[in-house]
Protein backbone atom coordinates (compact mmCIF):
# COMPACT_ATOMS: atom_id res chain seq x y z
CA MET A 1 0.00 0.00 0.00
CA LEU A 2 2.80 2.45 0.84
CA ARG A 3 4.44 1.75 -2.50
CA LEU A 4 1.16 2.46 -4.32
CA ARG A 5 0.79 5.72 -2.38
CA ILE A 6 4.28 6.84 -3.37
CA LEU A 7 3.69 5.95 -7.02
CA VAL A 8 0.35 7.76 -7.11
CA GLY A 9 1.86 10.86 -5.57
CA ALA A 10 4.75 10.82 -8.01
CA ALA A 11 2.40 10.36 -10.95
CA ILE A 12 0.20 13.25 -9.91
CA LEU A 13 3.06 15.58 -9.37
CA ALA A 14 4.85 14.54 -12.54
CA GLY A 15 1.80 15.75 -14.42
CA GLN A 16 1.17 18.86 -12.34
CA VAL A 17 4.51 20.19 -11.21
CA GLY A 18 6.31 18.94 -14.30
CA ALA A 19 4.09 21.08 -16.49
CA SER A 20 5.08 24.26 -14.67
CA ALA A 21 8.59 23.45 -13.43
CA PRO A 22 10.45 20.95 -15.60
CA GLY A 23 13.28 20.57 -13.09
CA LEU A 24 10.78 19.27 -10.54
CA ALA A 25 9.10 16.77 -12.84
CA GLN A 26 8.50 14.31 -10.01
CA GLY A 27 7.92 16.90 -7.30
CA THR A 28 9.45 17.01 -3.89
CA PRO A 29 8.71 14.42 -1.22
CA GLN A 30 6.68 17.11 0.57
CA GLN A 31 4.58 17.79 -2.54
CA ARG A 32 3.94 14.09 -3.09
CA ALA A 33 2.99 13.70 0.56
CA ALA A 34 0.59 16.63 0.32
CA CYS A 35 -1.47 15.05 -2.47
CA THR A 36 -1.17 11.29 -2.09
CA ASP A 37 -4.01 10.89 0.42
CA ASP A 38 -6.30 13.10 -1.67
CA ALA A 39 -5.46 11.17 -4.83
CA LEU A 40 -6.26 7.85 -3.19
CA ARG A 41 -9.43 9.18 -1.60
CA LEU A 42 -10.80 10.95 -4.67
CA CYS A 43 -9.17 9.41 -7.73
CA ALA A 44 -8.02 5.87 -6.94
CA ALA A 45 -9.97 4.50 -9.91
CA GLU A 46 -7.75 6.52 -12.27
CA VAL A 47 -4.42 5.01 -11.12
CA PRO A 48 -1.98 4.69 -12.89
CA ASN A 49 -3.09 7.04 -15.69
CA VAL A 50 -1.37 10.36 -14.88
CA SER A 51 -3.54 12.52 -17.11
CA ARG A 52 -6.72 11.01 -15.70
CA ILE A 53 -5.50 11.42 -12.13
CA THR A 54 -4.65 15.04 -12.84
CA SER A 55 -8.05 15.67 -14.44
CA CYS A 56 -9.78 14.01 -11.50
CA MET A 57 -7.83 16.08 -8.99
CA LYS A 58 -8.68 19.28 -10.87
CA ALA A 59 -12.35 18.28 -11.04
CA ASN A 60 -12.30 17.70 -7.27
CA PHE A 61 -10.22 20.77 -6.45
CA SER A 62 -12.70 22.05 -3.87
CA ARG A 63 -12.39 18.74 -2.00
CA LEU A 64 -8.57 18.72 -1.88
CA SER A 65 -6.68 19.32 1.33
CA ALA A 66 -5.12 22.75 1.75
CA GLY A 67 -1.64 21.30 1.23
CA CYS A 68 -2.55 19.64 -2.04
CA LYS A 69 -4.32 22.77 -3.28
CA ALA A 70 -1.07 24.63 -2.68
CA VAL A 71 0.79 22.09 -4.84
CA PHE A 72 -1.67 22.64 -7.70
CA HIS A 73 -1.07 26.39 -7.46
CA TYR A 74 2.71 25.98 -7.27
CA ARG A 75 4.61 27.61 -10.12
CA GLY A 76 8.21 26.99 -9.06
């Protein structure tokens, strides 16, 4: 389960952070930690498709934790 959580977080942030900050394509451990629980809670059915996870997270933006919302607003 922990391995899945890490992979989901990395996938989400690769799509999100990578689009705005190429040097951080996989995000920091803190960024992954901020969104992993939200991804599993809201978008588990989309794993491992990064674009679908990202779309799901955006569609559920109002339901994201404050920390994960900050990651989605991050511009590097």
